[in-house]
Protein backbone atom coordinates (compact mmCIF):
# COMPACT_ATOMS: atom_id res chain seq x y z
CA UNK A 1 94.85 94.77 93.03
CA UNK A 2 96.39 97.97 94.39
CA UNK A 3 99.99 98.93 93.73
CA UNK A 4 102.11 102.01 94.46
CA UNK A 5 104.18 103.22 91.53
CA UNK A 6 105.85 106.16 89.85
CA UNK A 7 105.36 106.56 86.09
CA UNK A 8 108.54 108.59 85.47
CA UNK A 9 111.65 109.39 87.47
CA UNK A 10 110.98 112.10 90.05
CA UNK A 11 107.20 112.05 89.51
CA UNK A 12 104.56 111.77 92.24
CA UNK A 13 103.82 108.38 93.77
CA UNK A 14 100.37 107.08 92.77
CA UNK A 15 97.99 104.34 93.92
CA UNK A 16 97.01 102.32 90.87
CA UNK A 17 94.79 99.34 90.10
CA UNK A 18 96.61 96.67 88.08
CA UNK A 19 96.05 93.06 87.09
CA UNK A 20 97.17 90.49 89.66
CA UNK A 21 100.41 88.67 88.85
CA UNK A 22 100.04 85.13 87.54
CA UNK A 23 102.28 82.15 86.99
CA UNK A 24 102.84 80.84 83.48
CA UNK A 25 100.06 78.32 82.69
CA UNK A 26 102.57 75.94 81.14
CA UNK A 27 104.77 76.04 84.25
CA UNK A 28 107.62 77.43 82.15
CA UNK A 29 108.64 80.01 84.73
CA UNK A 30 111.78 79.08 86.60
CA UNK A 31 111.17 78.72 90.33
CA UNK A 32 108.60 81.51 90.61
CA UNK A 33 106.09 82.15 93.36
CA UNK A 34 103.45 84.72 94.18
CA UNK A 35 103.61 86.44 97.55
CA UNK A 36 100.79 88.27 99.37
CA UNK A 37 102.77 91.18 100.81
CA UNK A 38 102.29 91.83 104.54
CA UNK A 39 105.15 94.24 105.24
CA UNK A 40 107.44 96.47 103.19
CA UNK A 41 110.83 97.98 103.95
CA UNK A 42 111.52 101.42 102.48
CA UNK A 43 114.95 103.02 102.59
CA UNK A 44 117.14 105.73 101.10
CA UNK A 45 117.87 103.35 98.19
CA UNK A 46 114.16 103.46 97.25
CA UNK A 47 114.34 107.25 97.13
CA UNK A 48 117.34 107.01 94.80
CA UNK A 49 115.47 104.53 92.54
CA UNK A 50 112.43 106.81 92.35
CA UNK A 51 114.62 109.71 91.19
CA UNK A 52 116.81 107.70 88.78
CA UNK A 53 119.93 108.13 90.91
CA UNK A 54 120.60 104.53 91.99
CA UNK A 55 123.51 102.74 90.26
CA UNK A 56 121.09 100.10 88.90
CA UNK A 57 118.35 101.58 86.71
CA UNK A 58 114.74 100.38 86.73
CA UNK A 59 112.38 100.83 83.83
CA UNK A 60 109.33 102.99 84.52
CA UNK A 61 106.86 102.54 86.05
CA UNK A 62 108.88 102.04 89.22
CA UNK A 63 107.40 100.24 92.24
CA UNK A 64 109.28 101.10 95.47
CA UNK A 65 110.13 98.61 98.20
CA UNK A 66 113.35 96.61 98.01
CA UNK A 67 112.45 94.26 100.85
CA UNK A 68 109.55 92.93 102.83
CA UNK A 69 107.65 89.96 104.11
CA UNK A 70 104.56 88.05 103.15
CA UNK A 71 102.81 84.73 102.63
CA UNK A 72 103.25 82.48 99.60
CA UNK A 73 99.94 82.25 97.71
CA UNK A 74 101.02 80.33 94.57
CA UNK A 75 104.08 78.39 93.41
CA UNK A 76 105.31 77.13 90.05
CA UNK A 77 105.82 73.37 89.66
CA UNK A 78 109.60 73.60 89.93
CA UNK A 79 109.78 75.53 93.23
CA UNK A 80 111.87 73.41 95.57
CA UNK A 81 111.73 74.68 99.16
CA UNK A 82 108.71 76.96 99.54
CA UNK A 83 105.02 75.98 99.68
CA UNK A 84 101.70 77.81 99.68
CA UNK A 85 101.10 79.29 103.13
CA UNK A 86 104.79 79.70 104.07
CA UNK A 87 105.74 82.99 105.71
CA UNK A 88 108.71 84.47 103.89
CA UNK A 89 111.05 87.43 103.83
CA UNK A 90 112.24 88.74 100.47
CA UNK A 91 114.57 91.25 98.88
CA UNK A 92 114.77 92.24 95.24
CA UNK A 93 116.39 95.07 93.34
CA UNK A 94 114.04 94.78 90.38
CA UNK A 95 110.66 93.73 91.87
CA UNK A 96 109.13 96.43 94.04
CA UNK A 97 107.18 95.22 97.03
CA UNK A 98 104.63 98.07 97.44
CA UNK A 99 101.79 95.95 96.07
CA UNK A 100 99.20 93.55 97.38
CA UNK A 101 100.87 90.62 95.58
CA UNK A 102 104.28 90.31 93.90
CA UNK A 103 105.86 87.67 91.66
CA UNK A 104 109.34 86.61 92.85
CA UNK A 105 111.97 84.04 91.91
CA UNK A 106 112.45 81.55 94.74
CA UNK A 107 116.09 82.54 95.29
CA UNK A 108 115.01 86.08 96.38
CA UNK A 109 112.90 84.65 99.21
CA UNK A 110 113.68 82.96 102.51
CA UNK A 111 111.33 81.04 104.76
CA UNK A 112 110.65 82.67 108.14
CA UNK A 113 110.13 80.68 111.36
CA UNK A 114 106.59 80.44 112.71
């Protein structure tokens, strides 16, 4: 899958091919789901992250996009409210959304109305 990332603070943004995210086969992940990203929000905070100037530090490589929307494509057994096919909005300081699919904890996502 394609992902946008920066390999070091202040470096150029690059398109990269990476392995798709996957849920733990034993279902040990706590309330995780995979989201096919449809939209991404980029802001000044993303610029600060990419240059290492945000108050919370991310480990490199850094994937920009603190918010967005998408469709749930997989859920762990213990996910309570969301199901495959739900349209959701999400926000996360540590999981960048500039990718085709992203792995999120359920609490960072909210179901959107049809």
